[in-house]
Amino acid sequence: MLKPWLQLFRVPNLPTAVCDAVAGGAIAGASLGLPPSAVVRPALLAGGAELLLYMAGLADNDLADADRDREAAPDRPIPSGALSRRSVAAAARLCVLGAALLGAAGGLPPGWWLVALALLGCIAAYNRCKDAEPAPARLVMGACRGLALLSGAAAVAGGGASFAEALRRPEALLDVLPRDPGACGAVVLAALGWTLYIAAVTRLGEDEERAEAGLGRWRYALGLPALLPLAAAVPRAGWGAAGFAACSLYAFVRWCLAVAPLGAPHGPAARRRAVGRTIGGLLFLQIGAICLYPAPALLGAAAACWAAALAVRRAWPSISGS
């Protein structure tokens, strides 16, 4: 009874969803010089909400692909009959509702809600256009992760603005990014790196069920966006910036090691392994970003997500993350 749901939500990848928002909150908090009391709670709330939105997107993806999966991936929960369309649709709605309740109960600012709505729009757009327009769809998929990072930044940088204040002062809805130019630049660069990196992962995962021919040397260049967030650490000093740089470099090295075997003809299993490892590289980008704001709670959250990702892969090796 449990395995179809683990397959639906692709549990090996779930820990990476939490740290997107936490990383965004850490970058915004470090750039603005905010105290832990103004960073930790909203960043963790945004991380929890992002996890639920990510799960909703995965459920919606299987709903959108149900007909195609009957031929391309008959072992997925819906075409195999393990889960019904109705139950998957209900799960997606519950996840969105849970994210909204978490944001409301946590008092997240209007900027977070604005980013969350944009994220839901990108999720729906990707799930329905990825086959018709694959090239733009890759960027839309990447934007989902970039917006997830921005959601954490918005939760932290949005201050104490409430919906009532937004009604009186509509410009409060624009508090998605820090107003300080340096802080804004750091968040935008990181979000752009996240977007392009996941767009590259999406390109790598295309046609994974039919992977046969070897890939060219361009497969290494696809991982270069992992280095883009380094620009956010350049103006800084200290071990936090060094940690960010080291994690970004390792994410790129990890990408290269993951795609190296794909130069020879390979099957779907080899492609899935490579995609899973490159998604794991995102976790190091996230940990590096959190090093910029070394609050114990945020570092603990990153460590817990990293440990959870390893534990899930070992406990359920048959559950694919891609």
Protein backbone atom coordinates (compact mmCIF):
# COMPACT_ATOMS: atom_id res chain seq x y z
CA MET A 1 0.00 0.00 0.00
CA LEU A 2 2.86 2.38 0.75
CA LYS A 3 5.11 1.75 -2.24
CA PRO A 4 2.85 3.37 -4.89
CA TRP A 5 2.77 6.60 -2.87
CA LEU A 6 6.55 6.51 -2.47
CA GLN A 7 6.79 6.11 -6.25
CA LEU A 8 4.28 8.88 -6.89
CA PHE A 9 6.14 11.37 -4.71
CA ARG A 10 9.59 10.18 -5.84
CA VAL A 11 10.78 10.17 -2.24
CA PRO A 12 14.55 10.19 -2.98
CA ASN A 13 14.16 13.77 -4.24
CA LEU A 14 11.85 15.14 -1.55
CA PRO A 15 14.64 16.25 0.85
CA THR A 16 16.05 18.52 -1.85
CA ALA A 17 12.78 20.47 -2.01
CA VAL A 18 12.97 21.64 1.60
CA CYS A 19 16.44 23.14 1.29
CA ASP A 20 15.64 25.25 -1.78
CA ALA A 21 13.58 27.63 0.35
CA VAL A 22 15.89 27.33 3.36
CA ALA A 23 18.86 28.26 1.15
CA GLY A 24 17.00 31.30 -0.17
CA GLY A 25 16.23 32.42 3.36
CA ALA A 26 19.86 31.95 4.36
CA ILE A 27 21.16 34.03 1.44
CA ALA A 28 18.67 36.83 2.15
CA GLY A 29 19.40 36.75 5.88
CA ALA A 30 23.17 36.88 5.36
CA SER A 31 22.91 39.66 2.77
CA LEU A 32 20.70 41.82 4.98
CA GLY A 33 22.56 41.06 8.20
CA LEU A 34 19.39 39.91 9.96
CA PRO A 35 19.41 38.23 13.38
CA PRO A 36 18.54 34.52 13.65
CA SER A 37 15.14 35.35 15.12
CA ALA A 38 14.19 37.00 11.82
CA VAL A 39 15.60 34.26 9.58
CA VAL A 40 15.31 30.75 11.02
CA ARG A 41 11.56 30.48 11.61
CA PRO A 42 10.35 31.94 8.26
CA ALA A 43 13.01 30.02 6.32
CA LEU A 44 11.99 26.70 7.88
CA LEU A 45 8.29 27.46 7.38
CA ALA A 46 8.96 28.25 3.73
CA GLY A 47 10.92 24.99 3.45
CA GLY A 48 8.00 22.97 4.81
CA ALA A 49 5.55 24.69 2.48
CA GLU A 50 7.86 24.14 -0.48
CA LEU A 51 7.98 20.42 0.28
CA LEU A 52 4.18 20.25 0.10
CA LEU A 53 4.05 22.27 -3.14
CA TYR A 54 6.72 20.02 -4.64
CA MET A 55 4.67 16.95 -3.72
CA ALA A 56 1.58 18.55 -5.29
CA GLY A 57 3.55 19.15 -8.47
CA LEU A 58 4.71 15.52 -8.62
CA ALA A 59 1.16 14.26 -8.21
CA ASP A 60 -0.06 16.66 -10.89
CA ASN A 61 2.75 15.49 -13.18
CA ASP A 62 1.56 11.88 -12.99
CA LEU A 63 -2.00 12.99 -13.65
CA ALA A 64 -0.92 14.93 -16.74
CA ASP A 65 1.24 12.03 -17.98
CA ALA A 66 -1.13 9.17 -17.14
CA ASP A 67 -2.09 8.40 -20.76
CA ARG A 68 1.47 8.62 -22.07
CA ASP A 69 2.82 6.54 -19.18
CA ARG A 70 0.68 3.59 -20.24
CA GLU A 71 3.29 2.99 -22.93
CA ALA A 72 6.39 4.87 -21.76
CA ALA A 73 6.29 3.99 -18.04
CA PRO A 74 3.60 1.35 -17.35
CA ASP A 75 5.01 0.72 -13.85
CA ARG A 76 4.06 4.22 -12.64
CA PRO A 77 1.29 4.18 -9.98
CA ILE A 78 -1.61 5.36 -12.18
CA PRO A 79 -1.11 3.23 -15.35
CA SER A 80 -0.26 0.19 -13.24
CA GLY A 81 -3.56 0.56 -11.39
CA ALA A 82 -1.89 0.90 -7.98
CA LEU A 83 -3.43 4.36 -7.52
CA SER A 84 -6.53 5.89 -9.05
CA ARG A 85 -6.65 9.28 -10.73
CA ARG A 86 -9.13 10.43 -8.10
CA SER A 87 -6.86 9.56 -5.17
CA VAL A 88 -3.84 11.20 -6.81
CA ALA A 89 -5.85 14.36 -7.58
CA ALA A 90 -7.08 14.44 -3.97
CA ALA A 91 -3.50 14.10 -2.73
CA ALA A 92 -2.38 17.01 -4.92
CA ARG A 93 -5.16 19.24 -3.58
CA LEU A 94 -4.37 18.28 0.02
CA CYS A 95 -0.72 19.16 -0.48
CA VAL A 96 -1.59 22.62 -1.83
CA LEU A 97 -4.02 23.14 1.02
CA GLY A 98 -1.39 22.06 3.52
CA ALA A 99 1.12 24.56 2.11
CA ALA A 100 -1.46 27.35 2.31
CA LEU A 101 -2.35 26.47 5.89
CA LEU A 102 1.31 26.39 6.86
CA GLY A 103 1.88 29.80 5.30
CA ALA A 104 -1.19 31.26 6.99
CA ALA A 105 -0.49 29.73 10.40
CA GLY A 106 3.13 30.84 10.20
CA GLY A 107 2.21 34.39 9.21
CA LEU A 108 4.39 34.36 6.11
CA PRO A 109 4.39 37.77 4.37
CA PRO A 110 2.53 38.65 1.16
CA GLY A 111 5.71 38.34 -0.89
CA TRP A 112 5.89 34.65 -0.06
CA TRP A 113 2.30 34.11 -1.20
CA LEU A 114 3.06 35.90 -4.47
CA VAL A 115 6.05 33.64 -5.15
CA ALA A 116 4.08 30.54 -4.11
CA LEU A 117 1.34 31.38 -6.62
CA ALA A 118 3.94 31.92 -9.36
CA LEU A 119 5.48 28.58 -8.43
CA LEU A 120 2.14 26.78 -8.73
CA GLY A 121 1.65 28.39 -12.13
CA CYS A 122 5.06 27.21 -13.33
CA ILE A 123 4.40 23.69 -12.04
CA ALA A 124 1.08 23.47 -13.91
CA ALA A 125 2.63 24.95 -17.06
CA TYR A 126 5.56 22.53 -17.07
CA ASN A 127 3.41 19.46 -16.53
CA ARG A 128 1.31 20.36 -19.56
CA CYS A 129 3.87 21.75 -22.03
CA LYS A 130 6.96 19.61 -21.49
CA ASP A 131 6.20 17.30 -24.40
CA ALA A 132 4.91 19.90 -26.85
CA GLU A 133 7.67 22.47 -26.20
CA PRO A 134 10.60 20.66 -24.56
CA ALA A 135 13.18 23.47 -24.77
CA PRO A 136 11.05 26.17 -23.05
CA ALA A 137 9.74 23.53 -20.68
CA ARG A 138 13.24 22.92 -19.34
CA LEU A 139 13.51 26.55 -18.30
CA VAL A 140 10.03 26.43 -16.77
CA MET A 141 11.08 23.38 -14.74
CA GLY A 142 14.23 25.19 -13.68
CA ALA A 143 12.17 28.25 -12.77
CA CYS A 144 10.17 26.08 -10.37
CA ARG A 145 13.34 25.50 -8.36
CA GLY A 146 14.48 29.09 -8.73
CA LEU A 147 11.12 30.29 -7.44
CA ALA A 148 11.39 27.83 -4.55
CA LEU A 149 14.62 29.55 -3.54
CA LEU A 150 12.96 32.95 -3.95
CA SER A 151 10.11 31.80 -1.70
CA GLY A 152 12.57 31.42 1.16
CA ALA A 153 14.10 34.81 0.42
CA ALA A 154 10.62 36.37 0.31
CA ALA A 155 9.65 34.75 3.60
CA VAL A 156 12.72 36.25 5.29
CA ALA A 157 13.00 39.60 3.49
CA GLY A 158 9.29 40.35 3.49
CA GLY A 159 9.50 41.53 7.07
CA GLY A 160 6.37 41.66 9.14
CA ALA A 161 4.02 42.76 6.35
CA SER A 162 0.54 41.31 6.70
CA PHE A 163 -2.36 40.94 4.29
CA ALA A 164 -4.08 43.85 6.01
CA GLU A 165 -1.01 46.00 5.40
CA ALA A 166 -0.88 44.83 1.79
CA LEU A 167 -4.47 45.99 1.33
CA ARG A 168 -3.57 49.43 2.67
CA ARG A 169 -0.19 49.51 0.93
CA PRO A 170 -0.23 47.39 -2.27
CA GLU A 171 3.50 47.89 -2.84
CA ALA A 172 4.05 45.54 0.11
CA LEU A 173 3.36 42.74 -2.36
CA LEU A 174 6.58 43.67 -4.12
CA ASP A 175 8.66 42.74 -1.06
CA VAL A 176 9.69 39.51 -2.73
CA LEU A 177 13.38 40.37 -2.80
CA PRO A 178 15.56 42.41 -0.45
CA ARG A 179 15.57 46.10 -1.27
CA ASP A 180 19.33 46.33 -0.70
CA PRO A 181 21.00 46.07 -4.15
CA GLY A 182 23.78 43.77 -2.95
CA ALA A 183 21.36 41.46 -1.21
CA CYS A 184 19.01 41.47 -4.17
CA GLY A 185 21.87 40.62 -6.53
CA ALA A 186 22.99 37.69 -4.39
CA VAL A 187 19.48 36.21 -4.27
CA VAL A 188 18.88 36.70 -8.00
CA LEU A 189 22.22 35.13 -8.95
CA ALA A 190 21.53 32.12 -6.77
CA ALA A 191 18.00 31.74 -8.15
CA LEU A 192 19.36 31.97 -11.71
CA GLY A 193 21.94 29.28 -10.93
CA TRP A 194 19.23 27.04 -9.47
CA THR A 195 17.04 27.62 -12.54
CA LEU A 196 19.72 26.80 -15.11
CA TYR A 197 21.06 23.83 -13.14
CA ILE A 198 17.66 22.15 -12.91
CA ALA A 199 16.97 23.00 -16.57
CA ALA A 200 20.15 21.05 -17.32
CA VAL A 201 19.00 18.13 -15.14
CA THR A 202 15.68 18.18 -17.01
CA ARG A 203 17.52 18.04 -20.34
CA LEU A 204 19.56 15.10 -19.09
CA GLY A 205 16.42 13.27 -18.02
CA GLU A 206 14.53 13.70 -21.29
CA ASP A 207 13.72 10.40 -22.99
CA GLU A 208 15.33 8.51 -20.11
CA GLU A 209 12.94 5.62 -20.71
CA ARG A 210 14.37 5.23 -24.23
CA ALA A 211 18.00 6.16 -23.61
CA GLU A 212 20.27 4.28 -26.00
CA ALA A 213 22.88 6.38 -27.81
CA GLY A 214 25.83 7.89 -25.96
CA LEU A 215 25.82 11.62 -25.21
CA GLY A 216 28.42 14.04 -26.51
CA ARG A 217 30.87 16.15 -24.52
CA TRP A 218 28.19 18.82 -24.14
CA ARG A 219 26.91 16.73 -21.24
CA TYR A 220 29.72 18.13 -19.06
CA ALA A 221 28.94 21.75 -19.98
CA LEU A 222 25.36 21.29 -18.82
CA GLY A 223 26.62 21.28 -15.24
CA LEU A 224 28.32 24.69 -15.42
CA PRO A 225 25.33 26.55 -13.87
CA ALA A 226 26.39 24.94 -10.59
CA LEU A 227 29.18 27.53 -10.53
CA LEU A 228 26.93 30.55 -11.08
CA PRO A 229 25.82 30.95 -7.42
CA LEU A 230 29.51 31.38 -6.58
CA ALA A 231 29.10 35.02 -7.63
CA ALA A 232 26.89 35.51 -4.58
CA ALA A 233 29.80 34.54 -2.35
CA VAL A 234 32.53 36.56 -4.10
CA PRO A 235 31.97 39.82 -2.14
CA ARG A 236 32.08 37.94 1.15
CA ALA A 237 34.82 36.61 3.36
CA GLY A 238 35.07 33.98 6.01
CA TRP A 239 34.42 30.28 6.22
CA GLY A 240 30.79 30.68 5.10
CA ALA A 241 31.82 32.03 1.70
CA ALA A 242 34.56 29.40 1.46
CA GLY A 243 32.03 26.69 2.24
CA PHE A 244 29.69 28.01 -0.45
CA ALA A 245 32.52 28.00 -2.99
CA ALA A 246 33.63 24.49 -2.05
CA CYS A 247 30.08 23.11 -2.26
CA SER A 248 29.46 24.74 -5.64
CA LEU A 249 32.68 23.35 -7.04
CA TYR A 250 31.87 19.90 -5.67
CA ALA A 251 28.37 20.05 -7.22
CA PHE A 252 30.00 20.61 -10.62
CA VAL A 253 32.51 17.80 -10.05
CA ARG A 254 29.65 15.55 -8.98
CA TRP A 255 27.80 16.42 -12.18
CA CYS A 256 30.82 15.51 -14.30
CA LEU A 257 31.28 12.19 -12.51
CA ALA A 258 27.57 11.39 -12.89
CA VAL A 259 27.45 12.01 -16.64
CA ALA A 260 30.87 10.54 -17.51
CA PRO A 261 29.50 6.99 -18.12
CA LEU A 262 26.81 8.36 -20.46
CA GLY A 263 29.30 8.90 -23.26
CA ALA A 264 28.85 5.24 -24.25
CA PRO A 265 25.52 3.69 -25.34
CA HIS A 266 23.43 3.06 -22.24
CA GLY A 267 19.98 2.05 -21.08
CA PRO A 268 17.29 3.76 -19.01
CA ALA A 269 18.70 2.49 -15.70
CA ALA A 270 22.07 4.18 -16.30
CA ARG A 271 20.38 7.43 -17.30
CA ARG A 272 18.18 7.36 -14.20
CA ARG A 273 21.22 6.85 -11.97
CA ALA A 274 22.95 9.82 -13.55
CA VAL A 275 19.87 12.02 -13.18
CA GLY A 276 19.50 11.00 -9.54
CA ARG A 277 23.13 11.87 -8.82
CA THR A 278 22.91 15.25 -10.52
CA ILE A 279 19.79 16.07 -8.51
CA GLY A 280 21.84 15.12 -5.46
CA GLY A 281 24.35 17.74 -6.57
CA LEU A 282 21.69 20.37 -5.92
CA LEU A 283 21.77 19.38 -2.26
CA PHE A 284 25.40 20.54 -2.06
CA LEU A 285 24.50 23.88 -3.64
CA GLN A 286 21.83 24.25 -0.99
CA ILE A 287 24.19 23.35 1.87
CA GLY A 288 26.75 25.79 0.49
CA ALA A 289 24.19 28.60 0.43
CA ILE A 290 23.16 27.82 4.00
CA CYS A 291 26.80 28.10 5.05
CA LEU A 292 26.50 31.85 4.32
CA TYR A 293 24.16 32.08 7.31
CA PRO A 294 25.47 29.42 9.71
CA ALA A 295 22.56 29.33 12.14
CA PRO A 296 22.57 25.92 13.88
CA ALA A 297 18.89 25.32 13.05
CA LEU A 298 19.43 25.92 9.32
CA LEU A 299 22.59 23.82 9.22
CA GLY A 300 20.74 21.12 11.13
CA ALA A 301 17.91 21.20 8.60
CA ALA A 302 20.39 20.84 5.73
CA ALA A 303 22.17 17.96 7.47
CA ALA A 304 18.85 16.25 8.17
CA CYS A 305 17.81 16.57 4.53
CA TRP A 306 21.14 15.21 3.34
CA ALA A 307 20.91 12.26 5.72
CA ALA A 308 17.29 11.66 4.74
CA ALA A 309 18.19 11.58 1.04
CA LEU A 310 20.86 8.94 1.68
CA ALA A 311 18.59 6.92 3.97
CA VAL A 312 15.71 6.92 1.49
CA ARG A 313 17.92 5.73 -1.36
CA ARG A 314 19.28 2.91 0.76
CA ALA A 315 15.94 1.92 2.25
CA TRP A 316 14.05 1.95 -1.06
CA PRO A 317 16.59 1.36 -3.85
CA SER A 318 13.78 0.41 -6.23
CA ILE A 319 12.08 3.81 -5.88
CA SER A 320 13.31 6.10 -8.66
CA GLY A 321 13.90 9.77 -7.99
CA SER A 322 13.73 10.77 -11.64
